[in-house]
PDB file of N, CA and C in Angstrom:
ATOM      1  N   MET A   1      56.010 104.417 108.229  1.00  0.00           N
ATOM      2  CA  MET A   1      57.297 104.017 108.769  1.00  0.00           C
ATOM      3  C   MET A   1      57.391 102.502 108.964  1.00  0.00           C
ATOM      4  N   THR A   2      56.270 101.869 109.181  1.00  0.00           N
ATOM      5  CA  THR A   2      56.274 100.430 109.380  1.00  0.00           C
ATOM      6  C   THR A   2      56.813  99.730 108.146  1.00  0.00           C
ATOM      7  N   ASN A   3      56.467 100.228 107.002  1.00  0.00           N
ATOM      8  CA  ASN A   3      56.925  99.635 105.758  1.00  0.00           C
ATOM      9  C   ASN A   3      58.440  99.757 105.629  1.00  0.00           C
ATOM     10  N   LEU A   4      58.985 100.916 105.990  1.00  0.00           N
ATOM     11  CA  LEU A   4      60.441 101.106 105.918  1.00  0.00           C
ATOM     12  C   LEU A   4      61.172 100.209 106.900  1.00  0.00           C
ATOM     13  N   SER A   5      60.645 100.058 108.098  1.00  0.00           N
ATOM     14  CA  SER A   5      61.316  99.199 109.081  1.00  0.00           C
ATOM     15  C   SER A   5      61.272  97.743 108.636  1.00  0.00           C
ATOM     16  N   GLY A   6      60.198  97.336 107.988  1.00  0.00           N
ATOM     17  CA  GLY A   6      60.120  95.972 107.470  1.00  0.00           C
ATOM     18  C   GLY A   6      61.129  95.737 106.360  1.00  0.00           C
ATOM     19  N   VAL A   7      61.264  96.707 105.474  1.00  0.00           N
ATOM     20  CA  VAL A   7      62.240  96.602 104.386  1.00  0.00           C
ATOM     21  C   VAL A   7      63.649  96.564 104.956  1.00  0.00           C
ATOM     22  N   LEU A   8      63.900  97.408 105.951  1.00  0.00           N
ATOM     23  CA  LEU A   8      65.221  97.441 106.578  1.00  0.00           C
ATOM     24  C   LEU A   8      65.548  96.100 107.233  1.00  0.00           C
ATOM     25  N   ARG A   9      64.566  95.505 107.904  1.00  0.00           N
ATOM     26  CA  ARG A   9      64.760  94.200 108.545  1.00  0.00           C
ATOM     27  C   ARG A   9      65.058  93.134 107.493  1.00  0.00           C
ATOM     28  N   GLN A  10      64.347  93.169 106.384  1.00  0.00           N
ATOM     29  CA  GLN A  10      64.584  92.202 105.309  1.00  0.00           C
ATOM     30  C   GLN A  10      65.990  92.355 104.729  1.00  0.00           C
ATOM     31  N   LEU A  11      66.414  93.587 104.538  1.00  0.00           N
ATOM     32  CA  LEU A  11      67.757  93.822 103.997  1.00  0.00           C
ATOM     33  C   LEU A  11      68.833  93.321 104.950  1.00  0.00           C
ATOM     34  N   LYS A  12      68.630  93.533 106.245  1.00  0.00           N
ATOM     35  CA  LYS A  12      69.607  93.045 107.229  1.00  0.00           C
ATOM     36  C   LYS A  12      69.665  91.525 107.224  1.00  0.00           C
ATOM     37  N   ASN A  13      68.504  90.883 107.129  1.00  0.00           N
ATOM     38  CA  ASN A  13      68.473  89.417 107.059  1.00  0.00           C
ATOM     39  C   ASN A  13      69.169  88.917 105.801  1.00  0.00           C
ATOM     40  N   GLU A  14      68.924  89.580 104.693  1.00  0.00           N
ATOM     41  CA  GLU A  14      69.559  89.182 103.435  1.00  0.00           C
ATOM     42  C   GLU A  14      71.074  89.365 103.504  1.00  0.00           C
ATOM     43  N   ARG A  15      71.520  90.460 104.121  1.00  0.00           N
ATOM     44  CA  ARG A  15      72.958  90.683 104.277  1.00  0.00           C
ATOM     45  C   ARG A  15      73.587  89.586 105.127  1.00  0.00           C
ATOM     46  N   GLN A  16      72.914  89.190 106.205  1.00  0.00           N
ATOM     47  CA  GLN A  16      73.439  88.136 107.067  1.00  0.00           C
ATOM     48  C   GLN A  16      73.537  86.814 106.306  1.00  0.00           C
ATOM     49  N   ARG A  17      72.516  86.493 105.512  1.00  0.00           N
ATOM     50  CA  ARG A  17      72.564  85.259 104.713  1.00  0.00           C
ATOM     51  C   ARG A  17      73.705  85.307 103.701  1.00  0.00           C
ATOM     52  N   ALA A  18      73.914  86.466 103.094  1.00  0.00           N
ATOM     53  CA  ALA A  18      74.997  86.610 102.119  1.00  0.00           C
ATOM     54  C   ALA A  18      76.354  86.437 102.790  1.00  0.00           C
ATOM     55  N   GLN A  19      76.511  86.989 103.986  1.00  0.00           N
ATOM     56  CA  GLN A  19      77.775  86.836 104.707  1.00  0.00           C
ATOM     57  C   GLN A  19      78.030  85.373 105.054  1.00  0.00           C
ATOM     58  N   GLN A  20      76.984  84.660 105.455  1.00  0.00           N
ATOM     59  CA  GLN A  20      77.139  83.237 105.761  1.00  0.00           C
ATOM     60  C   GLN A  20      77.506  82.451 104.508  1.00  0.00           C
ATOM     61  N   GLU A  21      76.927  82.812 103.391  1.00  0.00           N
ATOM     62  CA  GLU A  21      77.248  82.136 102.130  1.00  0.00           C
ATOM     63  C   GLU A  21      78.703  82.382 101.737  1.00  0.00           C
ATOM     64  N   VAL A  22      79.180  83.597 101.931  1.00  0.00           N
ATOM     65  CA  VAL A  22      80.583  83.909 101.634  1.00  0.00           C
ATOM     66  C   VAL A  22      81.498  83.086 102.535  1.00  0.00           C
ATOM     67  N   GLN A  23      81.135  82.922 103.787  1.00  0.00           N
ATOM     68  CA  GLN A  23      81.940  82.105 104.694  1.00  0.00           C
ATOM     69  C   GLN A  23      81.975  80.656 104.232  1.00  0.00           C
ATOM     70  N   ARG A  24      80.836  80.137 103.771  1.00  0.00           N
ATOM     71  CA  ARG A  24      80.812  78.759 103.266  1.00  0.00           C
ATOM     72  C   ARG A  24      81.670  78.624 102.008  1.00  0.00           C
ATOM     73  N   ILE A  25      81.630  79.615 101.145  1.00  0.00           N
ATOM     74  CA  ILE A  25      82.453  79.584  99.930  1.00  0.00           C
ATOM     75  C   ILE A  25      83.931  79.630 100.293  1.00  0.00           C
ATOM     76  N   ASP A  26      84.297  80.475 101.261  1.00  0.00           N
ATOM     77  CA  ASP A  26      85.691  80.536 101.702  1.00  0.00           C
ATOM     78  C   ASP A  26      86.145  79.196 102.269  1.00  0.00           C
ATOM     79  N   ALA A  27      85.278  78.544 103.041  1.00  0.00           N
ATOM     80  CA  ALA A  27      85.621  77.240 103.605  1.00  0.00           C
ATOM     81  C   ALA A  27      85.804  76.207 102.496  1.00  0.00           C
ATOM     82  N   ALA A  28      84.947  76.246 101.485  1.00  0.00           N
ATOM     83  CA  ALA A  28      85.074  75.309 100.369  1.00  0.00           C
ATOM     84  C   ALA A  28      86.362  75.556  99.596  1.00  0.00           C
ATOM     85  N   LEU A  29      86.702  76.816  99.373  1.00  0.00           N
ATOM     86  CA  LEU A  29      87.955  77.133  98.681  1.00  0.00           C
ATOM     87  C   LEU A  29      89.158  76.651  99.479  1.00  0.00           C
ATOM     88  N   ALA A  30      89.102  76.825 100.790  1.00  0.00           N
ATOM     89  CA  ALA A  30      90.205  76.378 101.635  1.00  0.00           C
ATOM     90  C   ALA A  30      90.348  74.865 101.563  1.00  0.00           C
ATOM     91  N   ALA A  31      89.232  74.148 101.565  1.00  0.00           N
ATOM     92  CA  ALA A  31      89.283  72.691 101.497  1.00  0.00           C
ATOM     93  C   ALA A  31      89.818  72.226 100.145  1.00  0.00           C
ATOM     94  N   LEU A  32      89.411  72.890  99.076  1.00  0.00           N
ATOM     95  CA  LEU A  32      89.858  72.484  97.746  1.00  0.00           C
ATOM     96  C   LEU A  32      91.315  72.834  97.486  1.00  0.00           C
ATOM     97  N   SER A  33      91.788  73.912  98.088  1.00  0.00           N
ATOM     98  CA  SER A  33      93.174  74.306  97.848  1.00  0.00           C
ATOM     99  C   SER A  33      94.133  73.605  98.800  1.00  0.00           C
ATOM    100  N   GLY A  34      93.627  72.768  99.684  1.00  0.00           N
ATOM    101  CA  GLY A  34      94.488  72.003 100.567  1.00  0.00           C
ATOM    102  C   GLY A  34      94.883  72.752 101.819  1.00  0.00           C
ATOM    103  N   GLY A  35      94.228  73.791 102.143  1.00  0.00           N
ATOM    104  CA  GLY A  35      94.550  74.528 103.355  1.00  0.00           C
ATOM    105  C   GLY A  35      93.890  75.877 103.360  1.00  0.00           C
ATOM    106  N   ASN A  36      94.303  76.654 104.285  1.00  0.00           N
ATOM    107  CA  ASN A  36      93.740  77.985 104.425  1.00  0.00           C
ATOM    108  C   ASN A  36      94.341  78.883 103.359  1.00  0.00           C
ATOM    109  N   HIS A  37      93.510  79.500 102.540  1.00  0.00           N
ATOM    110  CA  HIS A  37      94.037  80.335 101.464  1.00  0.00           C
ATOM    111  C   HIS A  37      94.437  81.714 101.957  1.00  0.00           C
ATOM    112  N   LYS A  38      94.161  82.033 103.201  1.00  0.00           N
ATOM    113  CA  LYS A  38      94.619  83.288 103.792  1.00  0.00           C
ATOM    114  C   LYS A  38      95.704  82.942 104.800  1.00  0.00           C
ATOM    115  N   ARG A  39      96.947  83.190 104.448  1.00  0.00           N
ATOM    116  CA  ARG A  39      98.046  82.833 105.335  1.00  0.00           C
ATOM    117  C   ARG A  39      98.550  84.035 106.112  1.00  0.00           C
ATOM    118  N   PRO A  40      98.405  83.997 107.410  1.00  0.00           N
ATOM    119  CA  PRO A  40      99.013  85.065 108.204  1.00  0.00           C
ATOM    120  C   PRO A  40     100.484  84.766 108.438  1.00  0.00           C
ATOM    121  N   GLY A  41     101.245  85.749 108.782  1.00  0.00           N
ATOM    122  CA  GLY A  41     102.645  85.525 109.124  1.00  0.00           C
ATOM    123  C   GLY A  41     103.558  85.535 107.926  1.00  0.00           C
ATOM    124  N   ASN A  42     104.478  84.570 107.903  1.00  0.00           N
ATOM    125  CA  ASN A  42     105.495  84.516 106.858  1.00  0.00           C
ATOM    126  C   ASN A  42     104.852  84.258 105.503  1.00  0.00           C
ATOM    127  N   THR A  43     104.852  85.272 104.688  1.00  0.00           N
ATOM    128  CA  THR A  43     104.291  85.095 103.357  1.00  0.00           C
ATOM    129  C   THR A  43     105.386  85.001 102.306  1.00  0.00           C
ATOM    130  N   GLY A  44     106.567  85.520 102.604  1.00  0.00           N
ATOM    131  CA  GLY A  44     107.663  85.490 101.649  1.00  0.00           C
ATOM    132  C   GLY A  44     108.645  84.382 101.981  1.00  0.00           C
ATOM    133  N   THR A  45     109.497  84.078 101.033  1.00  0.00           N
ATOM    134  CA  THR A  45     110.518  83.075 101.282  1.00  0.00           C
ATOM    135  C   THR A  45     111.808  83.772 101.661  1.00  0.00           C
ATOM    136  N   ARG A  46     112.549  83.139 102.536  1.00  0.00           N
ATOM    137  CA  ARG A  46     113.825  83.705 102.948  1.00  0.00           C
ATOM    138  C   ARG A  46     114.898  83.198 102.000  1.00  0.00           C
ATOM    139  N   ARG A  47     115.758  84.069 101.565  1.00  0.00           N
ATOM    140  CA  ARG A  47     116.800  83.700 100.614  1.00  0.00           C
ATOM    141  C   ARG A  47     118.163  84.043 101.199  1.00  0.00           C
ATOM    142  N   LEU A  48     119.109  83.168 100.917  1.00  0.00           N
ATOM    143  CA  LEU A  48     120.484  83.408 101.344  1.00  0.00           C
ATOM    144  C   LEU A  48     121.244  84.076 100.211  1.00  0.00           C
ATOM    145  N   SER A  49     122.164  84.921 100.590  1.00  0.00           N
ATOM    146  CA  SER A  49     123.017  85.517  99.570  1.00  0.00           C
ATOM    147  C   SER A  49     124.020  84.459  99.109  1.00  0.00           C
ATOM    148  N   ALA A  50     124.644  84.707  97.979  1.00  0.00           N
ATOM    149  CA  ALA A  50     125.635  83.763  97.455  1.00  0.00           C
ATOM    150  C   ALA A  50     126.800  83.629  98.428  1.00  0.00           C
ATOM    151  N   GLU A  51     127.190  84.732  99.045  1.00  0.00           N
ATOM    152  CA  GLU A  51     128.295  84.696 100.004  1.00  0.00           C
ATOM    153  C   GLU A  51     127.934  83.841 101.217  1.00  0.00           C
ATOM    154  N   ALA A  52     126.723  83.978 101.709  1.00  0.00           N
ATOM    155  CA  ALA A  52     126.291  83.185 102.861  1.00  0.00           C
ATOM    156  C   ALA A  52     126.262  81.704 102.508  1.00  0.00           C
ATOM    157  N   ARG A  53     125.793  81.376 101.300  1.00  0.00           N
ATOM    158  CA  ARG A  53     125.787  79.968 100.876  1.00  0.00           C
ATOM    159  C   ARG A  53     127.205  79.416 100.796  1.00  0.00           C
ATOM    160  N   ARG A  54     128.150  80.226 100.288  1.00  0.00           N
ATOM    161  CA  ARG A  54     129.550  79.782 100.216  1.00  0.00           C
ATOM    162  C   ARG A  54     130.109  79.524 101.609  1.00  0.00           C
ATOM    163  N   LYS A  55     129.811  80.401 102.557  1.00  0.00           N
ATOM    164  CA  LYS A  55     130.301  80.219 103.927  1.00  0.00           C
ATOM    165  C   LYS A  55     129.735  78.950 104.558  1.00  0.00           C
ATOM    166  N   ILE A  56     128.451  78.721 104.355  1.00  0.00           N
ATOM    167  CA  ILE A  56     127.821  77.517 104.905  1.00  0.00           C
ATOM    168  C   ILE A  56     128.415  76.271 104.263  1.00  0.00           C
ATOM    169  N   ALA A  57     128.614  76.302 102.946  1.00  0.00           N
ATOM    170  CA  ALA A  57     129.187  75.151 102.244  1.00  0.00           C
ATOM    171  C   ALA A  57     130.608  74.879 102.714  1.00  0.00           C
ATOM    172  N   ALA A  58     131.389  75.940 102.903  1.00  0.00           N
ATOM    173  CA  ALA A  58     132.765  75.762 103.373  1.00  0.00           C
ATOM    174  C   ALA A  58     132.782  75.175 104.778  1.00  0.00           C
ATOM    175  N   ALA A  59     131.897  75.641 105.637  1.00  0.00           N
ATOM    176  CA  ALA A  59     131.835  75.109 106.996  1.00  0.00           C
ATOM    177  C   ALA A  59     131.425  73.642 106.979  1.00  0.00           C
ATOM    178  N   GLN A  60     130.500  73.272 106.120  1.00  0.00           N
ATOM    179  CA  GLN A  60     130.078  71.873 106.037  1.00  0.00           C
ATOM    180  C   GLN A  60     131.200  70.997 105.487  1.00  0.00           C
ATOM    181  N   ARG A  61     131.927  71.498 104.481  1.00  0.00           N
ATOM    182  CA  ARG A  61     133.071  70.730 103.963  1.00  0.00           C
ATOM    183  C   ARG A  61     134.112  70.518 105.056  1.00  0.00           C
ATOM    184  N   ALA A  62     134.333  71.539 105.888  1.00  0.00           N
ATOM    185  CA  ALA A  62     135.291  71.410 106.986  1.00  0.00           C
ATOM    186  C   ALA A  62     134.813  70.365 107.993  1.00  0.00           C
ATOM    187  N   ARG A  63     133.528  70.350 108.283  1.00  0.00           N
ATOM    188  CA  ARG A  63     132.998  69.341 109.217  1.00  0.00           C
ATOM    189  C   ARG A  63     133.179  67.939 108.658  1.00  0.00           C
ATOM    190  N   TRP A  64     132.869  67.753 107.359  1.00  0.00           N
ATOM    191  CA  TRP A  64     133.030  66.440 106.752  1.00  0.00           C
ATOM    192  C   TRP A  64     134.501  66.023 106.723  1.00  0.00           C
ATOM    193  N   ALA A  65     135.373  66.963 106.441  1.00  0.00           N
ATOM    194  CA  ALA A  65     136.802  66.644 106.413  1.00  0.00           C
ATOM    195  C   ALA A  65     137.265  66.192 107.792  1.00  0.00           C
ATOM    196  N   LYS A  66     136.792  66.843 108.825  1.00  0.00           N
ATOM    197  CA  LYS A  66     137.157  66.478 110.195  1.00  0.00           C
ATOM    198  C   LYS A  66     136.652  65.068 110.527  1.00  0.00           C
ATOM    199  N   ILE A  67     135.437  64.741 110.101  1.00  0.00           N
ATOM    200  CA  ILE A  67     134.875  63.412 110.362  1.00  0.00           C
ATOM    201  C   ILE A  67     135.649  62.349 109.590  1.00  0.00           C
ATOM    202  N   LYS A  68     135.961  62.632 108.320  1.00  0.00           N
ATOM    203  CA  LYS A  68     136.697  61.664 107.507  1.00  0.00           C
ATOM    204  C   LYS A  68     138.107  61.454 108.038  1.00  0.00           C
ATOM    205  N   LYS A  69     138.716  62.517 108.549  1.00  0.00           N
ATOM    206  CA  LYS A  69     140.068  62.414 109.094  1.00  0.00           C
ATOM    207  C   LYS A  69     140.071  61.548 110.348  1.00  0.00           C
ATOM    208  N   ALA A  70     139.033  61.662 111.163  1.00  0.00           N
ATOM    209  CA  ALA A  70     138.945  60.891 112.399  1.00  0.00           C
ATOM    210  C   ALA A  70     138.652  59.420 112.117  1.00  0.00           C
ATOM    211  N   ALA A  71     138.046  59.100 111.005  1.00  0.00           N
ATOM    212  CA  ALA A  71     137.650  57.725 110.705  1.00  0.00           C
ATOM    213  C   ALA A  71     138.779  56.890 110.200  1.00  0.00           C
TER     214      ALA A  71
END
Protein backbone atom coordinates (compact mmCIF):
# COMPACT_ATOMS: atom_id res chain seq x y z
CA MET A 1 0.00 0.00 0.00
CA THR A 2 2.91 2.34 0.59
CA ASN A 3 3.73 2.23 -3.08
CA LEU A 4 0.17 3.16 -4.06
CA SER A 5 0.05 6.07 -1.62
CA GLY A 6 3.34 7.36 -3.00
CA VAL A 7 2.05 7.16 -6.56
CA LEU A 8 -1.16 8.89 -5.52
CA ARG A 9 0.81 11.69 -3.84
CA GLN A 10 2.93 12.14 -6.98
CA LEU A 11 -0.16 12.32 -9.18
CA LYS A 12 -1.73 14.95 -6.92
CA ASN A 13 1.46 17.02 -7.02
CA GLU A 14 1.60 16.73 -10.80
CA ARG A 15 -2.05 17.78 -11.09
CA GLN A 16 -1.39 20.84 -8.92
CA ARG A 17 1.61 21.82 -11.07
CA ALA A 18 -0.48 21.40 -14.22
CA GLN A 19 -3.24 23.59 -12.80
CA GLN A 20 -0.70 26.30 -11.94
CA GLU A 21 0.72 26.11 -15.46
CA VAL A 22 -2.77 26.51 -16.95
CA GLN A 23 -3.29 29.58 -14.77
CA ARG A 24 0.00 31.06 -16.01
CA ILE A 25 -1.01 30.37 -19.62
CA ASP A 26 -4.39 32.02 -19.05
CA ALA A 27 -2.65 35.07 -17.57
CA ALA A 28 -0.31 35.26 -20.57
CA LEU A 29 -3.23 35.00 -22.99
CA ALA A 30 -5.05 37.76 -21.13
CA ALA A 31 -1.99 40.00 -21.29
CA LEU A 32 -1.46 39.36 -24.99
CA SER A 33 -5.09 39.89 -25.92
CA GLY A 34 -5.18 43.22 -24.09
CA GLY A 35 -7.45 42.17 -21.28
CA ASN A 36 -9.30 39.39 -19.66
CA HIS A 37 -10.37 36.87 -22.29
CA LYS A 38 -13.19 35.65 -20.05
CA ARG A 39 -15.77 38.42 -19.90
CA PRO A 40 -18.54 38.14 -17.37
CA GLY A 41 -21.71 40.14 -17.78
CA ASN A 42 -22.67 41.85 -21.00
CA THR A 43 -21.39 39.67 -23.76
CA GLY A 44 -23.75 40.78 -26.52
CA THR A 45 -24.23 44.15 -28.12
CA ARG A 46 -27.44 46.06 -27.71
CA ARG A 47 -29.12 47.06 -30.94
CA LEU A 48 -31.81 49.60 -31.62
CA SER A 49 -34.64 48.91 -33.97
CA ALA A 50 -34.98 51.11 -37.05
CA GLU A 51 -38.10 52.68 -35.55
CA ALA A 52 -36.28 53.55 -32.32
CA ARG A 53 -33.42 55.12 -34.30
CA ARG A 54 -35.93 57.21 -36.28
CA LYS A 55 -37.58 58.43 -33.06
CA ILE A 56 -34.24 59.37 -31.53
CA ALA A 57 -33.15 61.15 -34.71
CA ALA A 58 -36.43 63.07 -34.90
CA ALA A 59 -36.12 64.13 -31.26
CA GLN A 60 -32.55 65.31 -31.83
CA ARG A 61 -33.57 67.26 -34.94
CA ALA A 62 -36.31 68.92 -32.87
CA ARG A 63 -33.78 69.87 -30.18
CA TRP A 64 -31.41 71.36 -32.76
CA ALA A 65 -34.25 73.25 -34.41
CA LYS A 66 -35.24 74.72 -31.04
CA ILE A 67 -31.63 75.81 -30.36
CA LYS A 68 -31.23 77.33 -33.84
CA LYS A 69 -34.55 79.16 -33.51
CA ALA A 70 -33.47 80.67 -30.18
CA ALA A 71 -30.12 81.84 -31.59
